[in-house]
């Protein structure tokens, strides 16, 4: 029997993303720098959109810089989340090898490298190192000047002002006014630009111009390397700022200095469709900022101990738990935290790295991220002549946290942090 054509009526339900929803989802994945670029592109083609560049205030660079203002040393108290990659020590040793220094200067350079803090600053006075190396202070200063040319600039600085001066010198911006500003950083941090202008012999606009340059500098260049106490380099402008409240807890706010102000105004050159698109974009940006702020505040509330005490106190937390608490989808949480950075007095932390599964132990659940951080601390404090094996690291973690990790898991944590095995860490 030959088939005959038939007409059938069927009903199907299908979800289709309109343009506005696609833009909203895309903005959730965008960090502050990417959002600024996107808004600039849209404003260039839509006459109804007007962008006002952010006006940075001295308070905007805090709390990122509060740790270096508070400590006169190398900032060793700052803790960051672990990240794989070459260590600061390996980078510096390789740079010293490439210099091909004479034996006497090489000995001084190695002593200076051993005195580096995780921040990249020197942690010991030059006079002490000169006495220990049996050389003159002038010799140490000469070698130090050579080592301060190692990239990234700011390494081997003795304090914050010298660290920033080295970076300003590389930018060809170390003029007399900049030197005065760097010599009076506490005045800049407190917003006393008029007083700084009088000291520097320029107007307030000149002080603010130099302030914008300083905001883009890295106060702790050593933190961009892996190893104990290091982290992946954060973006120039973090998305969220965390400040400790006097009464306890943490205040989370958007970094307004990283985002331009978006306004919608009727323009004769534009049509109705462009005006509707401009308004839709404005609403999408507002929704993105509100969602990011909600997620950041919930993370800070759950990880208050880590913000107070460091990454070793990270609590177990999953995206599914956060999504359920906020009434959002897990995919929304994943998009929001992708590439988003939280600026804290302990350094800039990636939001995604604050999520971690739980490991059960005799003392309760411990997050895998906290275990990784404690493993880094064990490696940092080990005897370089008798480095800890993976099995010894697992036993030390068991004694410290009550979590019985398999040796292979400890080895995986070590490898993820870019730490070589024990036989390669041994130094005579």
Protein backbone atom coordinates (compact mmCIF):
# COMPACT_ATOMS: atom_id res chain seq x y z
CA UNK A 1 0.00 0.00 0.00
CA UNK A 2 1.54 3.29 -1.05
CA UNK A 3 1.91 5.97 1.69
CA UNK A 4 -0.26 9.05 1.34
CA UNK A 5 0.59 12.54 2.66
CA UNK A 6 -1.36 13.73 5.74
CA UNK A 7 -1.67 17.05 7.49
CA UNK A 8 -1.23 16.95 11.27
CA UNK A 9 -1.52 19.70 13.89
CA UNK A 10 0.84 19.48 16.88
CA UNK A 11 1.72 21.81 19.75
CA UNK A 12 5.23 22.15 21.17
CA UNK A 13 6.68 24.28 23.97
CA UNK A 14 10.10 25.79 23.34
CA UNK A 15 12.20 28.29 25.27
CA UNK A 16 13.76 30.93 23.05
CA UNK A 17 16.28 33.50 24.29
CA UNK A 18 15.56 36.99 23.07
CA UNK A 19 18.34 39.50 22.51
CA UNK A 20 17.90 41.19 25.91
CA UNK A 21 18.14 37.90 27.78
CA UNK A 22 21.22 36.89 25.82
CA UNK A 23 22.87 40.20 26.72
CA UNK A 24 21.95 39.77 30.40
CA UNK A 25 23.46 36.27 30.52
CA UNK A 26 26.60 37.50 28.77
CA UNK A 27 27.03 40.37 31.23
CA UNK A 28 26.91 37.96 34.17
CA UNK A 29 30.16 36.39 32.95
CA UNK A 30 31.89 39.73 32.41
CA UNK A 31 34.33 41.25 34.88
CA UNK A 32 34.70 44.99 35.49
CA UNK A 33 37.27 45.54 32.73
CA UNK A 34 35.30 43.53 30.18
CA UNK A 35 32.05 45.30 31.08
CA UNK A 36 33.70 48.71 30.66
CA UNK A 37 34.97 47.75 27.20
CA UNK A 38 31.55 46.41 26.18
CA UNK A 39 29.77 49.58 27.35
CA UNK A 40 32.25 51.74 25.46
CA UNK A 41 31.55 49.75 22.27
CA UNK A 42 27.78 50.10 22.73
CA UNK A 43 28.00 53.82 23.49
CA UNK A 44 30.01 54.35 20.30
CA UNK A 45 27.14 52.97 18.16
CA UNK A 46 24.07 54.03 20.19
CA UNK A 47 23.59 57.81 20.50
CA UNK A 48 21.16 57.38 23.41
CA UNK A 49 23.89 55.95 25.65
CA UNK A 50 26.24 58.23 27.56
CA UNK A 51 29.18 57.01 29.63
CA UNK A 52 30.81 59.01 32.39
CA UNK A 53 34.32 57.76 33.26
CA UNK A 54 34.78 56.73 36.90
CA UNK A 55 36.23 59.39 39.17
CA UNK A 56 38.65 57.52 41.45
CA UNK A 57 38.91 58.61 45.05
CA UNK A 58 41.83 57.77 47.36
CA UNK A 59 39.58 55.42 49.33
CA UNK A 60 39.03 53.30 46.21
CA UNK A 61 42.49 51.78 46.39
CA UNK A 62 41.79 50.46 49.87
CA UNK A 63 41.58 47.82 51.21
CA UNK A 64 43.93 46.52 48.53
CA UNK A 65 46.73 48.67 49.93
CA UNK A 66 45.81 48.70 53.61
CA UNK A 67 47.96 45.67 54.37
CA UNK A 68 51.10 47.28 52.99
CA UNK A 69 50.42 50.52 54.84
CA UNK A 70 49.94 48.64 58.11
CA UNK A 71 53.17 46.62 57.89
CA UNK A 72 56.65 48.07 57.68
CA UNK A 73 58.12 44.74 56.61
CA UNK A 74 57.58 42.65 53.54
CA UNK A 75 53.94 41.95 54.17
CA UNK A 76 54.43 38.30 55.04
CA UNK A 77 51.14 38.31 56.92
CA UNK A 78 49.19 38.62 53.68
CA UNK A 79 47.65 35.35 52.53
CA UNK A 80 46.48 34.48 49.07
CA UNK A 81 44.86 31.45 47.54
CA UNK A 82 47.26 28.91 45.98
CA UNK A 83 47.89 28.83 42.26
CA UNK A 84 50.00 26.69 39.99
CA UNK A 85 52.96 28.16 38.14
CA UNK A 86 56.61 29.02 38.68
CA UNK A 87 57.55 30.07 42.20
CA UNK A 88 59.05 33.44 43.08
CA UNK A 89 62.28 31.75 44.18
CA UNK A 90 62.62 29.85 40.89
CA UNK A 91 61.96 33.02 38.87
CA UNK A 92 64.56 35.03 40.79
CA UNK A 93 67.21 32.28 40.69
CA UNK A 94 66.78 31.96 36.92
CA UNK A 95 67.15 35.72 36.51
CA UNK A 96 70.33 35.75 38.63
CA UNK A 97 71.76 32.89 36.55
CA UNK A 98 71.14 34.92 33.38
CA UNK A 99 73.08 37.89 34.82
CA UNK A 100 76.35 35.87 34.99
CA UNK A 101 77.61 37.80 38.01
CA UNK A 102 81.16 37.40 39.38
CA UNK A 103 81.46 34.91 42.27
CA UNK A 104 81.54 37.57 44.99
CA UNK A 105 78.53 39.45 43.58
CA UNK A 106 76.76 36.13 42.96
CA UNK A 107 77.09 35.28 46.66
CA UNK A 108 75.54 38.62 47.60
CA UNK A 109 72.73 38.14 45.06
CA UNK A 110 71.88 34.72 46.51
CA UNK A 111 71.77 36.20 50.02
CA UNK A 112 69.40 38.91 48.80
CA UNK A 113 67.22 36.30 47.06
CA UNK A 114 67.00 34.29 50.28
CA UNK A 115 65.80 37.42 52.09
CA UNK A 116 62.81 37.92 49.77
CA UNK A 117 59.36 37.84 51.37
CA UNK A 118 56.36 36.34 49.50
CA UNK A 119 55.36 39.91 48.65
CA UNK A 120 58.61 40.39 46.70
CA UNK A 121 60.05 42.85 49.21
CA UNK A 122 63.29 42.38 51.11
CA UNK A 123 62.72 41.16 54.63
CA UNK A 124 66.15 41.90 56.15
CA UNK A 125 68.29 45.04 56.49
CA UNK A 126 71.18 45.42 54.05
CA UNK A 127 73.65 46.04 56.86
CA UNK A 128 72.92 42.64 58.41
CA UNK A 129 73.35 40.86 55.07
CA UNK A 130 76.60 42.73 54.40
CA UNK A 131 78.01 41.54 57.73
CA UNK A 132 76.92 37.94 57.12
CA UNK A 133 78.36 37.87 53.60
CA UNK A 134 81.59 39.59 54.74
CA UNK A 135 81.26 42.34 52.13
CA UNK A 136 80.81 46.09 52.31
CA UNK A 137 77.43 47.80 52.35
CA UNK A 138 78.30 49.52 49.07
CA UNK A 139 78.77 46.12 47.40
CA UNK A 140 75.37 44.94 48.62
CA UNK A 141 73.70 48.13 47.40
CA UNK A 142 75.34 47.76 43.97
CA UNK A 143 74.09 44.18 43.56
CA UNK A 144 70.67 45.19 44.86
CA UNK A 145 70.41 47.86 42.18
CA UNK A 146 71.02 45.17 39.55
CA UNK A 147 68.46 42.80 41.05
CA UNK A 148 65.83 45.54 41.14
CA UNK A 149 65.81 45.46 37.32
CA UNK A 150 64.30 41.95 37.36
CA UNK A 151 60.75 41.78 36.04
CA UNK A 152 58.19 42.40 37.36
CA UNK A 153 59.49 45.73 38.60
CA UNK A 154 59.18 46.27 42.31
CA UNK A 155 60.93 43.06 43.35
CA UNK A 156 63.73 43.53 45.94
CA UNK A 157 62.19 46.78 47.19
CA UNK A 158 62.83 47.64 50.83
CA UNK A 159 59.48 49.32 51.42
CA UNK A 160 56.29 50.31 49.62
CA UNK A 161 57.59 53.66 48.39
CA UNK A 162 60.65 52.06 46.78
CA UNK A 163 58.49 49.32 45.24
CA UNK A 164 56.24 51.87 43.56
CA UNK A 165 59.19 54.10 42.62
CA UNK A 166 60.76 51.22 40.68
CA UNK A 167 57.51 50.75 38.75
CA UNK A 168 57.14 54.49 38.14
CA UNK A 169 60.72 54.58 36.86
CA UNK A 170 59.90 51.86 34.34
CA UNK A 171 56.90 53.95 33.18
CA UNK A 172 59.20 56.99 32.86
CA UNK A 173 56.93 58.75 35.37
CA UNK A 174 59.30 59.22 38.32
CA UNK A 175 59.52 62.99 38.28
CA UNK A 176 59.92 65.26 41.29
CA UNK A 177 56.20 65.46 42.03
CA UNK A 178 55.84 61.67 41.89
CA UNK A 179 58.74 61.29 44.32
CA UNK A 180 57.02 63.63 46.77
CA UNK A 181 53.74 61.71 46.43
CA UNK A 182 55.48 58.37 47.02
CA UNK A 183 57.27 59.79 50.04
CA UNK A 184 53.91 60.81 51.54
CA UNK A 185 51.66 57.84 50.71
CA UNK A 186 49.71 58.03 54.00
CA UNK A 187 48.55 61.53 52.99
CA UNK A 188 47.40 60.15 49.65
CA UNK A 189 45.54 57.29 51.32
CA UNK A 190 43.71 59.72 53.61
CA UNK A 191 42.69 61.97 50.70
CA UNK A 192 44.81 64.99 51.59
CA UNK A 193 45.45 65.90 47.96
CA UNK A 194 45.57 69.66 48.61
CA UNK A 195 48.38 69.25 51.12
CA UNK A 196 50.22 66.90 48.76
CA UNK A 197 49.88 69.41 45.95
CA UNK A 198 51.55 72.10 48.08
CA UNK A 199 54.40 69.74 48.99
CA UNK A 200 54.89 68.58 45.40
CA UNK A 201 54.69 72.07 43.92
CA UNK A 202 51.85 71.22 41.54
CA UNK A 203 48.06 71.49 41.45
CA UNK A 204 45.59 68.89 42.73
CA UNK A 205 44.95 67.68 39.18
CA UNK A 206 48.62 66.74 38.95
CA UNK A 207 48.42 64.79 42.20
CA UNK A 208 45.29 62.95 41.01
CA UNK A 209 46.99 62.13 37.70
CA UNK A 210 49.85 60.50 39.59
CA UNK A 211 47.36 58.79 41.88
CA UNK A 212 45.74 57.14 38.85
CA UNK A 213 49.14 55.77 37.86
CA UNK A 214 49.80 54.46 41.36
CA UNK A 215 46.41 52.72 41.47
CA UNK A 216 47.51 50.61 38.49
CA UNK A 217 50.77 49.55 40.15
CA UNK A 218 51.28 46.34 42.08
CA UNK A 219 52.25 46.90 45.73
CA UNK A 220 53.29 43.24 46.11
CA UNK A 221 54.79 42.02 42.83
CA UNK A 222 55.95 38.76 44.38
CA UNK A 223 52.34 37.71 44.99
CA UNK A 224 51.85 37.04 41.27
CA UNK A 225 53.96 33.88 41.56
CA UNK A 226 52.90 30.48 42.81
CA UNK A 227 54.06 28.78 45.93
CA UNK A 228 53.27 29.13 49.62
CA UNK A 229 51.37 32.36 50.19
CA UNK A 230 50.97 33.23 46.51
CA UNK A 231 48.08 33.51 44.11
CA UNK A 232 47.17 33.96 40.50
CA UNK A 233 47.59 37.62 39.63
CA UNK A 234 44.28 39.39 40.10
CA UNK A 235 42.84 41.82 37.57
CA UNK A 236 43.98 45.43 37.75
CA UNK A 237 40.55 46.49 39.00
CA UNK A 238 38.68 44.05 41.29
CA UNK A 239 34.91 43.81 40.95
CA UNK A 240 34.07 43.79 44.67
CA UNK A 241 35.59 45.43 47.74
CA UNK A 242 35.55 43.90 51.24
CA UNK A 243 35.96 46.13 54.28
CA UNK A 244 35.82 44.99 57.90
CA UNK A 245 33.04 46.55 59.97
CA UNK A 246 34.00 47.93 63.40
CA UNK A 247 31.18 45.94 64.99
CA UNK A 248 32.26 42.73 63.23
CA UNK A 249 31.55 41.11 59.90
CA UNK A 250 32.38 42.38 56.43
CA UNK A 251 30.88 45.02 54.20
CA UNK A 252 30.87 44.03 50.51
CA UNK A 253 30.42 46.74 47.89
CA UNK A 254 30.88 47.16 44.16
CA UNK A 255 34.12 48.75 43.02
CA UNK A 256 32.54 51.84 41.49
CA UNK A 257 35.94 53.20 40.51
CA UNK A 258 36.25 50.36 37.98
CA UNK A 259 32.94 51.00 36.21
CA UNK A 260 31.78 54.01 34.19
CA UNK A 261 28.37 55.52 34.92
CA UNK A 262 25.80 54.54 32.27
CA UNK A 263 23.04 57.03 31.43
CA UNK A 264 20.24 56.85 28.87
CA UNK A 265 19.29 60.15 27.23
CA UNK A 266 17.13 60.86 24.23
CA UNK A 267 19.16 61.94 21.24
CA UNK A 268 17.87 63.36 17.96
CA UNK A 269 20.26 61.17 15.97
CA UNK A 270 18.86 57.90 17.35
CA UNK A 271 15.64 56.03 16.62
CA UNK A 272 13.10 54.28 18.85
CA UNK A 273 14.75 50.87 18.48
CA UNK A 274 18.09 52.21 19.66
CA UNK A 275 16.42 53.93 22.61
CA UNK A 276 14.76 50.66 23.63
CA UNK A 277 18.09 48.85 23.31
CA UNK A 278 19.79 51.47 25.45
CA UNK A 279 17.19 51.10 28.20
CA UNK A 280 17.41 47.32 28.03
CA UNK A 281 21.19 47.51 28.38
CA UNK A 282 20.88 49.83 31.38
CA UNK A 283 18.53 47.38 33.09
CA UNK A 284 20.85 44.46 32.26
CA UNK A 285 23.81 46.25 33.84
CA UNK A 286 21.76 47.01 36.96
CA UNK A 287 20.68 43.36 37.18
CA UNK A 288 24.27 42.19 36.73
CA UNK A 289 25.55 44.47 39.49
CA UNK A 290 22.73 43.51 41.87
CA UNK A 291 23.29 39.77 41.30
CA UNK A 292 27.05 40.12 41.72
CA UNK A 293 26.56 42.03 44.96
CA UNK A 294 24.11 39.43 46.33
CA UNK A 295 26.48 36.59 45.52
CA UNK A 296 29.50 38.42 46.95
CA UNK A 297 27.72 39.21 50.21
CA UNK A 298 26.53 35.63 50.66
CA UNK A 299 30.04 34.30 50.02
CA UNK A 300 31.51 36.77 52.51
CA UNK A 301 28.93 35.75 55.14
CA UNK A 302 29.77 32.06 54.69
CA UNK A 303 33.53 32.63 54.53
CA UNK A 304 33.84 35.23 57.29
CA UNK A 305 36.43 33.12 59.10
CA UNK A 306 38.64 33.00 55.99
CA UNK A 307 38.41 36.77 55.53
CA UNK A 308 39.40 37.22 59.18
CA UNK A 309 42.10 34.56 59.52
CA UNK A 310 43.23 33.66 55.99
CA UNK A 311 42.69 30.96 53.41
CA UNK A 312 43.48 28.18 55.90
CA UNK A 313 40.07 28.90 57.48
CA UNK A 314 38.02 28.43 54.27
CA UNK A 315 34.78 26.57 54.96
CA UNK A 316 33.31 23.91 52.66
CA UNK A 317 30.98 25.62 50.17
CA UNK A 318 29.48 24.56 46.85
CA UNK A 319 27.74 26.52 44.14
CA UNK A 320 24.63 24.39 44.60
CA UNK A 321 24.42 25.43 48.28
CA UNK A 322 24.79 29.09 47.36
CA UNK A 323 22.24 28.86 44.55
CA UNK A 324 19.67 27.30 46.88
CA UNK A 325 20.21 29.97 49.54
CA UNK A 326 19.83 32.83 47.04
CA UNK A 327 17.04 31.32 44.95
CA UNK A 328 19.19 31.32 41.83
CA UNK A 329 20.22 28.61 39.40
CA UNK A 330 23.59 26.97 39.82
CA UNK A 331 24.58 28.08 36.32
CA UNK A 332 23.91 31.70 37.32
CA UNK A 333 26.30 31.37 40.27
CA UNK A 334 28.91 29.83 37.98
CA UNK A 335 28.62 32.70 35.50
CA UNK A 336 28.79 35.38 38.21
CA UNK A 337 31.95 34.06 39.91
CA UNK A 338 33.81 33.34 36.66
CA UNK A 339 36.74 35.76 36.62
CA UNK A 340 35.31 37.86 39.46
CA UNK A 341 37.73 39.19 42.03
CA UNK A 342 37.13 40.25 45.66
CA UNK A 343 39.57 42.79 47.05
CA UNK A 344 40.33 42.25 50.75
CA UNK A 345 42.97 43.50 53.21
CA UNK A 346 44.62 40.08 52.78
CA UNK A 347 44.90 40.48 49.03
CA UNK A 348 42.71 39.94 45.99
CA UNK A 349 40.83 36.65 46.00
CA UNK A 350 39.07 34.99 43.07
CA UNK A 351 35.48 34.19 44.07
CA UNK A 352 35.60 30.85 42.26
CA UNK A 353 38.53 29.73 44.44
CA UNK A 354 36.48 30.27 47.58
CA UNK A 355 34.29 27.29 46.65
CA UNK A 356 35.55 23.94 47.84
CA UNK A 357 34.22 20.49 48.62
CA UNK A 358 34.26 19.05 52.13
CA UNK A 359 36.69 16.48 53.52
CA UNK A 360 35.47 14.66 56.60
CA UNK A 361 37.83 14.21 59.54
CA UNK A 362 37.81 13.49 63.23
CA UNK A 363 37.29 17.17 63.96
CA UNK A 364 34.46 17.61 61.45
CA UNK A 365 34.41 18.75 57.83
CA UNK A 366 37.35 20.69 56.39
CA UNK A 367 37.38 22.27 52.95
CA UNK A 368 39.77 20.95 50.34
CA UNK A 369 40.97 24.53 49.72
CA UNK A 370 41.94 24.90 53.39
CA UNK A 371 43.84 21.60 53.22
CA UNK A 372 45.73 22.78 50.14
CA UNK A 373 46.67 26.00 51.88
CA UNK A 374 47.89 24.18 54.98
CA UNK A 375 49.92 21.83 52.79
CA UNK A 376 51.64 24.91 51.31
CA UNK A 377 52.42 26.10 54.83
CA UNK A 378 53.96 22.73 55.70
CA UNK A 379 56.20 22.89 52.63
CA UNK A 380 57.19 26.48 53.44
CA UNK A 381 58.29 25.49 56.95
CA UNK A 382 60.07 22.25 56.12
CA UNK A 383 63.79 21.63 56.52
CA UNK A 384 65.27 22.18 53.02
CA UNK A 385 67.80 19.42 53.66
CA UNK A 386 65.00 16.98 54.65
CA UNK A 387 61.90 17.95 52.67
CA UNK A 388 58.64 16.23 53.49
CA UNK A 389 57.54 13.37 51.28
CA UNK A 390 53.91 13.12 50.12
CA UNK A 391 53.25 10.49 52.77
CA UNK A 392 54.77 12.75 55.45
CA UNK A 393 52.63 15.65 54.24
CA UNK A 394 49.52 13.47 54.53
CA UNK A 395 50.48 12.46 58.08
CA UNK A 396 51.12 16.09 59.05
CA UNK A 397 47.73 17.13 57.69
CA UNK A 398 46.09 14.32 59.67
CA UNK A 399 47.73 15.55 62.87
CA UNK A 400 46.81 19.16 62.11
CA UNK A 401 43.24 18.81 60.82
CA UNK A 402 42.12 15.27 61.64
CA UNK A 403 41.54 14.58 57.92
CA UNK A 404 43.13 11.32 56.75
CA UNK A 405 44.16 12.10 53.17
CA UNK A 406 45.48 9.35 50.91
CA UNK A 407 49.07 9.88 49.85
CA UNK A 408 47.97 10.23 46.22
CA UNK A 409 45.58 13.04 47.14
CA UNK A 410 48.33 14.88 49.02
CA UNK A 411 50.57 14.44 45.98
CA UNK A 412 47.82 15.85 43.75
CA UNK A 413 47.39 18.90 46.00
CA UNK A 414 51.15 19.44 45.91
CA UNK A 415 51.31 19.13 42.13
CA UNK A 416 48.30 21.45 41.65
CA UNK A 417 50.17 24.12 43.61
CA UNK A 418 53.20 23.79 41.33
CA UNK A 419 55.40 22.31 44.09
CA UNK A 420 57.95 19.72 42.91
CA UNK A 421 58.32 16.37 44.74
CA UNK A 422 60.57 16.02 47.80
CA UNK A 423 63.68 14.81 45.99
CA UNK A 424 63.63 17.93 43.77
CA UNK A 425 63.05 20.29 46.71
CA UNK A 426 66.09 19.04 48.63
CA UNK A 427 68.80 21.70 49.04
CA UNK A 428 72.20 21.19 50.58
